[in-house]
Amino acid sequence: MIFDPFGDFESRGYLRNSQRLKDPAEVKALEHCHFLKNLDMAFSALASLEQLAYEHVLATHKTLFGSFYPWAGQDRAAIAPDLAI
């Protein structure tokens, strides 16, 4: 059984990734590539902060994964309010 928190795996792929991929191994590999590609940018943004706040966590998530997951950087309560993850 595949983890499908949005309930639309068949139409939008695993975790609604931008390429609508369904193979979790493929998704994990591309997710890792996006993470590595954006890591320096995330570190640079965080380095300028004196204090870390929740909004910075969301912004970091968007920086790292926003090019692969359209919902990256959004609060889970907004994108999946019925899930208890």
PDB file of N, CA and C in Angstrom:
ATOM      1  N   MET A   1       0.841  -1.188   0.000  1.00  0.00           N
ATOM      2  CA  MET A   1       0.000   0.000   0.000  1.00  0.00           C
ATOM      3  C   MET A   1       0.883   1.248   0.000  1.00  0.00           C
ATOM      4  N   ILE A   2       0.570   2.163  -0.863  1.00  0.00           N
ATOM      5  CA  ILE A   2       1.347   3.392  -1.027  1.00  0.00           C
ATOM      6  C   ILE A   2       0.815   4.489  -0.100  1.00  0.00           C
ATOM      7  N   PHE A   3       1.707   5.278   0.448  1.00  0.00           N
ATOM      8  CA  PHE A   3       1.320   6.421   1.269  1.00  0.00           C
ATOM      9  C   PHE A   3       0.698   7.467   0.361  1.00  0.00           C
ATOM     10  N   ASP A   4      -0.574   7.781   0.565  1.00  0.00           N
ATOM     11  CA  ASP A   4      -1.308   8.700  -0.301  1.00  0.00           C
ATOM     12  C   ASP A   4      -2.126   9.684   0.544  1.00  0.00           C
ATOM     13  N   PRO A   5      -1.452  10.637   1.195  1.00  0.00           N
ATOM     14  CA  PRO A   5      -2.163  11.537   2.104  1.00  0.00           C
ATOM     15  C   PRO A   5      -3.183  12.449   1.424  1.00  0.00           C
ATOM     16  N   PHE A   6      -2.992  12.727   0.139  1.00  0.00           N
ATOM     17  CA  PHE A   6      -3.905  13.618  -0.569  1.00  0.00           C
ATOM     18  C   PHE A   6      -5.067  12.869  -1.214  1.00  0.00           C
ATOM     19  N   GLY A   7      -4.929  11.543  -1.343  1.00  0.00           N
ATOM     20  CA  GLY A   7      -5.983  10.738  -1.937  1.00  0.00           C
ATOM     21  C   GLY A   7      -6.111  10.889  -3.450  1.00  0.00           C
ATOM     22  N   ASP A   8      -5.033  11.331  -4.109  1.00  0.00           N
ATOM     23  CA  ASP A   8      -5.099  11.507  -5.562  1.00  0.00           C
ATOM     24  C   ASP A   8      -3.854  10.954  -6.268  1.00  0.00           C
ATOM     25  N   PHE A   9      -3.318   9.891  -5.729  1.00  0.00           N
ATOM     26  CA  PHE A   9      -2.114   9.276  -6.280  1.00  0.00           C
ATOM     27  C   PHE A   9      -2.245   8.971  -7.771  1.00  0.00           C
ATOM     28  N   GLU A  10      -3.348   8.376  -8.169  1.00  0.00           N
ATOM     29  CA  GLU A  10      -3.521   7.964  -9.567  1.00  0.00           C
ATOM     30  C   GLU A  10      -3.509   9.142 -10.538  1.00  0.00           C
ATOM     31  N   SER A  11      -4.064  10.247 -10.152  1.00  0.00           N
ATOM     32  CA  SER A  11      -4.142  11.389 -11.065  1.00  0.00           C
ATOM     33  C   SER A  11      -2.987  12.378 -10.918  1.00  0.00           C
ATOM     34  N   ARG A  12      -2.373  12.453  -9.722  1.00  0.00           N
ATOM     35  CA  ARG A  12      -1.351  13.482  -9.502  1.00  0.00           C
ATOM     36  C   ARG A  12       0.007  12.943  -9.088  1.00  0.00           C
ATOM     37  N   GLY A  13       0.124  11.608  -8.984  1.00  0.00           N
ATOM     38  CA  GLY A  13       1.406  11.013  -8.638  1.00  0.00           C
ATOM     39  C   GLY A  13       1.669  11.007  -7.145  1.00  0.00           C
ATOM     40  N   TYR A  14       2.821  10.452  -6.792  1.00  0.00           N
ATOM     41  CA  TYR A  14       3.208  10.306  -5.392  1.00  0.00           C
ATOM     42  C   TYR A  14       3.458  11.677  -4.764  1.00  0.00           C
ATOM     43  N   LEU A  15       2.711  11.976  -3.738  1.00  0.00           N
ATOM     44  CA  LEU A  15       2.814  13.249  -3.004  1.00  0.00           C
ATOM     45  C   LEU A  15       2.679  14.478  -3.904  1.00  0.00           C
ATOM     46  N   ARG A  16       1.898  14.338  -4.959  1.00  0.00           N
ATOM     47  CA  ARG A  16       1.632  15.450  -5.891  1.00  0.00           C
ATOM     48  C   ARG A  16       2.911  16.091  -6.428  1.00  0.00           C
ATOM     49  N   ASN A  17       3.887  15.277  -6.773  1.00  0.00           N
ATOM     50  CA  ASN A  17       5.129  15.841  -7.296  1.00  0.00           C
ATOM     51  C   ASN A  17       4.878  16.481  -8.659  1.00  0.00           C
ATOM     52  N   SER A  18       5.706  17.424  -9.040  1.00  0.00           N
ATOM     53  CA  SER A  18       5.496  18.230 -10.245  1.00  0.00           C
ATOM     54  C   SER A  18       5.530  17.420 -11.540  1.00  0.00           C
ATOM     55  N   GLN A  19       6.145  16.246 -11.508  1.00  0.00           N
ATOM     56  CA  GLN A  19       6.221  15.413 -12.708  1.00  0.00           C
ATOM     57  C   GLN A  19       5.191  14.280 -12.701  1.00  0.00           C
ATOM     58  N   ARG A  20       4.376  14.236 -11.667  1.00  0.00           N
ATOM     59  CA  ARG A  20       3.332  13.212 -11.513  1.00  0.00           C
ATOM     60  C   ARG A  20       3.888  11.789 -11.532  1.00  0.00           C
ATOM     61  N   LEU A  21       5.079  11.647 -10.999  1.00  0.00           N
ATOM     62  CA  LEU A  21       5.710  10.329 -10.917  1.00  0.00           C
ATOM     63  C   LEU A  21       4.999   9.480  -9.880  1.00  0.00           C
ATOM     64  N   LYS A  22       4.948   8.182 -10.128  1.00  0.00           N
ATOM     65  CA  LYS A  22       4.255   7.283  -9.212  1.00  0.00           C
ATOM     66  C   LYS A  22       5.193   6.296  -8.522  1.00  0.00           C
ATOM     67  N   ASP A  23       6.375   6.120  -9.036  1.00  0.00           N
ATOM     68  CA  ASP A  23       7.326   5.187  -8.441  1.00  0.00           C
ATOM     69  C   ASP A  23       8.036   5.877  -7.267  1.00  0.00           C
ATOM     70  N   PRO A  24       7.793   5.406  -6.035  1.00  0.00           N
ATOM     71  CA  PRO A  24       8.402   6.061  -4.868  1.00  0.00           C
ATOM     72  C   PRO A  24       9.924   6.135  -4.933  1.00  0.00           C
ATOM     73  N   ALA A  25      10.572   5.145  -5.526  1.00  0.00           N
ATOM     74  CA  ALA A  25      12.036   5.185  -5.632  1.00  0.00           C
ATOM     75  C   ALA A  25      12.480   6.312  -6.560  1.00  0.00           C
ATOM     76  N   GLU A  26      11.776   6.484  -7.654  1.00  0.00           N
ATOM     77  CA  GLU A  26      12.065   7.579  -8.584  1.00  0.00           C
ATOM     78  C   GLU A  26      11.844   8.930  -7.917  1.00  0.00           C
ATOM     79  N   VAL A  27      10.745   9.029  -7.186  1.00  0.00           N
ATOM     80  CA  VAL A  27      10.420  10.274  -6.482  1.00  0.00           C
ATOM     81  C   VAL A  27      11.499  10.579  -5.454  1.00  0.00           C
ATOM     82  N   LYS A  28      11.901   9.569  -4.694  1.00  0.00           N
ATOM     83  CA  LYS A  28      12.927   9.784  -3.666  1.00  0.00           C
ATOM     84  C   LYS A  28      14.241  10.253  -4.297  1.00  0.00           C
ATOM     85  N   ALA A  29      14.622   9.675  -5.413  1.00  0.00           N
ATOM     86  CA  ALA A  29      15.868  10.061  -6.085  1.00  0.00           C
ATOM     87  C   ALA A  29      15.808  11.513  -6.562  1.00  0.00           C
ATOM     88  N   LEU A  30      14.693  11.901  -7.182  1.00  0.00           N
ATOM     89  CA  LEU A  30      14.568  13.288  -7.660  1.00  0.00           C
ATOM     90  C   LEU A  30      14.441  14.271  -6.505  1.00  0.00           C
ATOM     91  N   GLU A  31      13.740  13.855  -5.465  1.00  0.00           N
ATOM     92  CA  GLU A  31      13.624  14.696  -4.270  1.00  0.00           C
ATOM     93  C   GLU A  31      15.018  14.983  -3.716  1.00  0.00           C
ATOM     94  N   HIS A  32      15.856  13.969  -3.662  1.00  0.00           N
ATOM     95  CA  HIS A  32      17.215  14.124  -3.159  1.00  0.00           C
ATOM     96  C   HIS A  32      18.024  15.072  -4.055  1.00  0.00           C
ATOM     97  N   CYS A  33      17.856  14.947  -5.362  1.00  0.00           N
ATOM     98  CA  CYS A  33      18.547  15.848  -6.299  1.00  0.00           C
ATOM     99  C   CYS A  33      18.127  17.304  -6.081  1.00  0.00           C
ATOM    100  N   HIS A  34      16.842  17.535  -5.919  1.00  0.00           N
ATOM    101  CA  HIS A  34      16.349  18.899  -5.676  1.00  0.00           C
ATOM    102  C   HIS A  34      16.901  19.433  -4.357  1.00  0.00           C
ATOM    103  N   PHE A  35      16.927  18.589  -3.342  1.00  0.00           N
ATOM    104  CA  PHE A  35      17.465  18.969  -2.037  1.00  0.00           C
ATOM    105  C   PHE A  35      18.921  19.418  -2.175  1.00  0.00           C
ATOM    106  N   LEU A  36      19.728  18.587  -2.811  1.00  0.00           N
ATOM    107  CA  LEU A  36      21.151  18.924  -2.951  1.00  0.00           C
ATOM    108  C   LEU A  36      21.353  20.188  -3.786  1.00  0.00           C
ATOM    109  N   LYS A  37      20.581  20.330  -4.856  1.00  0.00           N
ATOM    110  CA  LYS A  37      20.706  21.492  -5.745  1.00  0.00           C
ATOM    111  C   LYS A  37      20.401  22.797  -5.004  1.00  0.00           C
ATOM    112  N   ASN A  38      19.496  22.751  -4.046  1.00  0.00           N
ATOM    113  CA  ASN A  38      19.031  23.969  -3.370  1.00  0.00           C
ATOM    114  C   ASN A  38      19.597  24.166  -1.968  1.00  0.00           C
ATOM    115  N   LEU A  39      20.444  23.263  -1.534  1.00  0.00           N
ATOM    116  CA  LEU A  39      20.959  23.307  -0.160  1.00  0.00           C
ATOM    117  C   LEU A  39      21.756  24.582   0.132  1.00  0.00           C
ATOM    118  N   ASP A  40      22.639  24.978  -0.762  1.00  0.00           N
ATOM    119  CA  ASP A  40      23.436  26.190  -0.523  1.00  0.00           C
ATOM    120  C   ASP A  40      22.552  27.426  -0.394  1.00  0.00           C
ATOM    121  N   MET A  41      21.525  27.501  -1.229  1.00  0.00           N
ATOM    122  CA  MET A  41      20.608  28.642  -1.162  1.00  0.00           C
ATOM    123  C   MET A  41      19.874  28.657   0.187  1.00  0.00           C
ATOM    124  N   ALA A  42      19.471  27.494   0.657  1.00  0.00           N
ATOM    125  CA  ALA A  42      18.786  27.413   1.951  1.00  0.00           C
ATOM    126  C   ALA A  42      19.720  27.821   3.090  1.00  0.00           C
ATOM    127  N   PHE A  43      20.947  27.321   3.057  1.00  0.00           N
ATOM    128  CA  PHE A  43      21.921  27.692   4.088  1.00  0.00           C
ATOM    129  C   PHE A  43      22.186  29.193   4.084  1.00  0.00           C
ATOM    130  N   SER A  44      22.295  29.778   2.921  1.00  0.00           N
ATOM    131  CA  SER A  44      22.541  31.223   2.827  1.00  0.00           C
ATOM    132  C   SER A  44      21.399  32.017   3.450  1.00  0.00           C
ATOM    133  N   ALA A  45      20.185  31.620   3.165  1.00  0.00           N
ATOM    134  CA  ALA A  45      19.026  32.325   3.728  1.00  0.00           C
ATOM    135  C   ALA A  45      18.984  32.173   5.250  1.00  0.00           C
ATOM    136  N   LEU A  46      19.293  30.986   5.734  1.00  0.00           N
ATOM    137  CA  LEU A  46      19.261  30.755   7.184  1.00  0.00           C
ATOM    138  C   LEU A  46      20.411  31.444   7.911  1.00  0.00           C
ATOM    139  N   ALA A  47      21.542  31.582   7.262  1.00  0.00           N
ATOM    140  CA  ALA A  47      22.719  32.180   7.899  1.00  0.00           C
ATOM    141  C   ALA A  47      22.497  33.635   8.292  1.00  0.00           C
ATOM    142  N   SER A  48      21.627  34.314   7.601  1.00  0.00           N
ATOM    143  CA  SER A  48      21.395  35.728   7.892  1.00  0.00           C
ATOM    144  C   SER A  48      20.411  35.960   9.038  1.00  0.00           C
ATOM    145  N   LEU A  49      19.833  34.898   9.558  1.00  0.00           N
ATOM    146  CA  LEU A  49      18.817  35.032  10.606  1.00  0.00           C
ATOM    147  C   LEU A  49      19.437  35.045  11.991  1.00  0.00           C
ATOM    148  N   GLU A  50      18.908  35.898  12.832  1.00  0.00           N
ATOM    149  CA  GLU A  50      19.348  35.894  14.227  1.00  0.00           C
ATOM    150  C   GLU A  50      18.556  34.875  15.037  1.00  0.00           C
ATOM    151  N   GLN A  51      17.302  34.714  14.677  1.00  0.00           N
ATOM    152  CA  GLN A  51      16.435  33.782  15.391  1.00  0.00           C
ATOM    153  C   GLN A  51      15.554  33.062  14.366  1.00  0.00           C
ATOM    154  N   LEU A  52      15.426  31.764  14.549  1.00  0.00           N
ATOM    155  CA  LEU A  52      14.636  30.959  13.634  1.00  0.00           C
ATOM    156  C   LEU A  52      13.181  30.916  14.094  1.00  0.00           C
ATOM    157  N   ALA A  53      12.270  31.165  13.160  1.00  0.00           N
ATOM    158  CA  ALA A  53      10.831  31.119  13.441  1.00  0.00           C
ATOM    159  C   ALA A  53      10.185  30.125  12.478  1.00  0.00           C
ATOM    160  N   TYR A  54       8.950  29.776  12.766  1.00  0.00           N
ATOM    161  CA  TYR A  54       8.227  28.806  11.955  1.00  0.00           C
ATOM    162  C   TYR A  54       8.166  29.220  10.486  1.00  0.00           C
ATOM    163  N   GLU A  55       7.988  30.485  10.222  1.00  0.00           N
ATOM    164  CA  GLU A  55       7.932  30.973   8.839  1.00  0.00           C
ATOM    165  C   GLU A  55       9.238  30.682   8.092  1.00  0.00           C
ATOM    166  N   HIS A  56      10.360  30.667   8.826  1.00  0.00           N
ATOM    167  CA  HIS A  56      11.647  30.357   8.211  1.00  0.00           C
ATOM    168  C   HIS A  56      11.745  28.866   7.879  1.00  0.00           C
ATOM    169  N   VAL A  57      11.163  28.037   8.719  1.00  0.00           N
ATOM    170  CA  VAL A  57      11.123  26.598   8.441  1.00  0.00           C
ATOM    171  C   VAL A  57      10.334  26.359   7.154  1.00  0.00           C
ATOM    172  N   LEU A  58       9.184  27.010   7.039  1.00  0.00           N
ATOM    173  CA  LEU A  58       8.373  26.876   5.826  1.00  0.00           C
ATOM    174  C   LEU A  58       9.127  27.391   4.600  1.00  0.00           C
ATOM    175  N   ALA A  59       9.782  28.522   4.729  1.00  0.00           N
ATOM    176  CA  ALA A  59      10.543  29.086   3.612  1.00  0.00           C
ATOM    177  C   ALA A  59      11.696  28.171   3.203  1.00  0.00           C
ATOM    178  N   THR A  60      12.335  27.558   4.180  1.00  0.00           N
ATOM    179  CA  THR A  60      13.431  26.623   3.895  1.00  0.00           C
ATOM    180  C   THR A  60      12.903  25.399   3.152  1.00  0.00           C
ATOM    181  N   HIS A  61      11.763  24.898   3.590  1.00  0.00           N
ATOM    182  CA  HIS A  61      11.149  23.751   2.910  1.00  0.00           C
ATOM    183  C   HIS A  61      10.820  24.110   1.461  1.00  0.00           C
ATOM    184  N   LYS A  62      10.311  25.306   1.253  1.00  0.00           N
ATOM    185  CA  LYS A  62       9.996  25.757  -0.111  1.00  0.00           C
ATOM    186  C   LYS A  62      11.262  25.886  -0.947  1.00  0.00           C
ATOM    187  N   THR A  63      12.305  26.430  -0.364  1.00  0.00           N
ATOM    188  CA  THR A  63      13.576  26.569  -1.076  1.00  0.00           C
ATOM    189  C   THR A  63      14.120  25.202  -1.486  1.00  0.00           C
ATOM    190  N   LEU A  64      14.092  24.259  -0.573  1.00  0.00           N
ATOM    191  CA  LEU A  64      14.658  22.937  -0.843  1.00  0.00           C
ATOM    192  C   LEU A  64      13.834  22.114  -1.818  1.00  0.00           C
ATOM    193  N   PHE A  65      12.503  22.180  -1.699  1.00  0.00           N
ATOM    194  CA  PHE A  65      11.657  21.248  -2.438  1.00  0.00           C
ATOM    195  C   PHE A  65      10.604  21.900  -3.337  1.00  0.00           C
ATOM    196  N   GLY A  66      10.530  23.206  -3.384  1.00  0.00           N
ATOM    197  CA  GLY A  66       9.477  23.894  -4.130  1.00  0.00           C
ATOM    198  C   GLY A  66       9.484  23.630  -5.622  1.00  0.00           C
ATOM    199  N   SER A  67      10.626  23.317  -6.185  1.00  0.00           N
ATOM    200  CA  SER A  67      10.672  23.032  -7.614  1.00  0.00           C
ATOM    201  C   SER A  67      10.182  21.621  -7.940  1.00  0.00           C
ATOM    202  N   PHE A  68       9.980  20.798  -6.922  1.00  0.00           N
ATOM    203  CA  PHE A  68       9.505  19.427  -7.132  1.00  0.00           C
ATOM    204  C   PHE A  68       8.102  19.192  -6.575  1.00  0.00           C
ATOM    205  N   TYR A  69       7.818  19.838  -5.441  1.00  0.00           N
ATOM    206  CA  TYR A  69       6.503  19.729  -4.819  1.00  0.00           C
ATOM    207  C   TYR A  69       5.838  21.110  -4.820  1.00  0.00           C
ATOM    208  N   PRO A  70       4.777  21.286  -5.575  1.00  0.00           N
ATOM    209  CA  PRO A  70       4.109  22.596  -5.624  1.00  0.00           C
ATOM    210  C   PRO A  70       3.625  23.085  -4.261  1.00  0.00           C
ATOM    211  N   TRP A  71       3.376  22.190  -3.347  1.00  0.00           N
ATOM    212  CA  TRP A  71       2.871  22.550  -2.028  1.00  0.00           C
ATOM    213  C   TRP A  71       3.991  22.814  -1.016  1.00  0.00           C
ATOM    214  N   ALA A  72       5.231  22.658  -1.408  1.00  0.00           N
ATOM    215  CA  ALA A  72       6.356  22.847  -0.475  1.00  0.00           C
ATOM    216  C   ALA A  72       6.327  24.250   0.124  1.00  0.00           C
ATOM    217  N   GLY A  73       6.578  24.317   1.400  1.00  0.00           N
ATOM    218  CA  GLY A  73       6.605  25.594   2.092  1.00  0.00           C
ATOM    219  C   GLY A  73       5.268  26.030   2.648  1.00  0.00           C
ATOM    220  N   GLN A  74       4.245  25.218   2.449  1.00  0.00           N
ATOM    221  CA  GLN A  74       2.929  25.539   2.996  1.00  0.00           C
ATOM    222  C   GLN A  74       2.687  24.726   4.265  1.00  0.00           C
ATOM    223  N   ASP A  75       1.976  25.289   5.178  1.00  0.00           N
ATOM    224  CA  ASP A  75       1.637  24.612   6.424  1.00  0.00           C
ATOM    225  C   ASP A  75       0.714  23.421   6.135  1.00  0.00           C
ATOM    226  N   ARG A  76       0.964  22.299   6.769  1.00  0.00           N
ATOM    227  CA  ARG A  76       0.156  21.113   6.558  1.00  0.00           C
ATOM    228  C   ARG A  76      -1.297  21.336   6.916  1.00  0.00           C
ATOM    229  N   ALA A  77      -1.556  22.185   7.864  1.00  0.00           N
ATOM    230  CA  ALA A  77      -2.945  22.468   8.242  1.00  0.00           C
ATOM    231  C   ALA A  77      -3.699  23.108   7.083  1.00  0.00           C
ATOM    232  N   ALA A  78      -2.986  23.770   6.193  1.00  0.00           N
ATOM    233  CA  ALA A  78      -3.614  24.419   5.044  1.00  0.00           C
ATOM    234  C   ALA A  78      -3.781  23.468   3.863  1.00  0.00           C
ATOM    235  N   ILE A  79      -2.797  22.594   3.640  1.00  0.00           N
ATOM    236  CA  ILE A  79      -2.852  21.731   2.465  1.00  0.00           C
ATOM    237  C   ILE A  79      -3.478  20.364   2.728  1.00  0.00           C
ATOM    238  N   ALA A  80      -3.480  19.940   3.965  1.00  0.00           N
ATOM    239  CA  ALA A  80      -4.065  18.634   4.312  1.00  0.00           C
ATOM    240  C   ALA A  80      -4.668  18.698   5.716  1.00  0.00           C
ATOM    241  N   PRO A  81      -5.692  19.509   5.886  1.00  0.00           N
ATOM    242  CA  PRO A  81      -6.235  19.762   7.220  1.00  0.00           C
ATOM    243  C   PRO A  81      -6.848  18.533   7.908  1.00  0.00           C
ATOM    244  N   ASP A  82      -7.214  17.521   7.147  1.00  0.00           N
ATOM    245  CA  ASP A  82      -7.835  16.340   7.739  1.00  0.00           C
ATOM    246  C   ASP A  82      -6.836  15.245   8.113  1.00  0.00           C
ATOM    247  N   LEU A  83      -5.541  15.509   7.902  1.00  0.00           N
ATOM    248  CA  LEU A  83      -4.525  14.520   8.199  1.00  0.00           C
ATOM    249  C   LEU A  83      -3.857  14.808   9.546  1.00  0.00           C
ATOM    250  N   ALA A  84      -3.583  13.754  10.252  1.00  0.00           N
ATOM    251  CA  ALA A  84      -2.827  13.873  11.505  1.00  0.00           C
ATOM    252  C   ALA A  84      -1.474  13.199  11.278  1.00  0.00           C
ATOM    253  N   ILE A  85      -0.561  13.951  10.680  1.00  0.00           N
ATOM    254  CA  ILE A  85       0.773  13.407  10.358  1.00  0.00           C
ATOM    255  C   ILE A  85       1.734  13.817  11.453  1.00  0.00           C
TER     256      ILE A  85
END
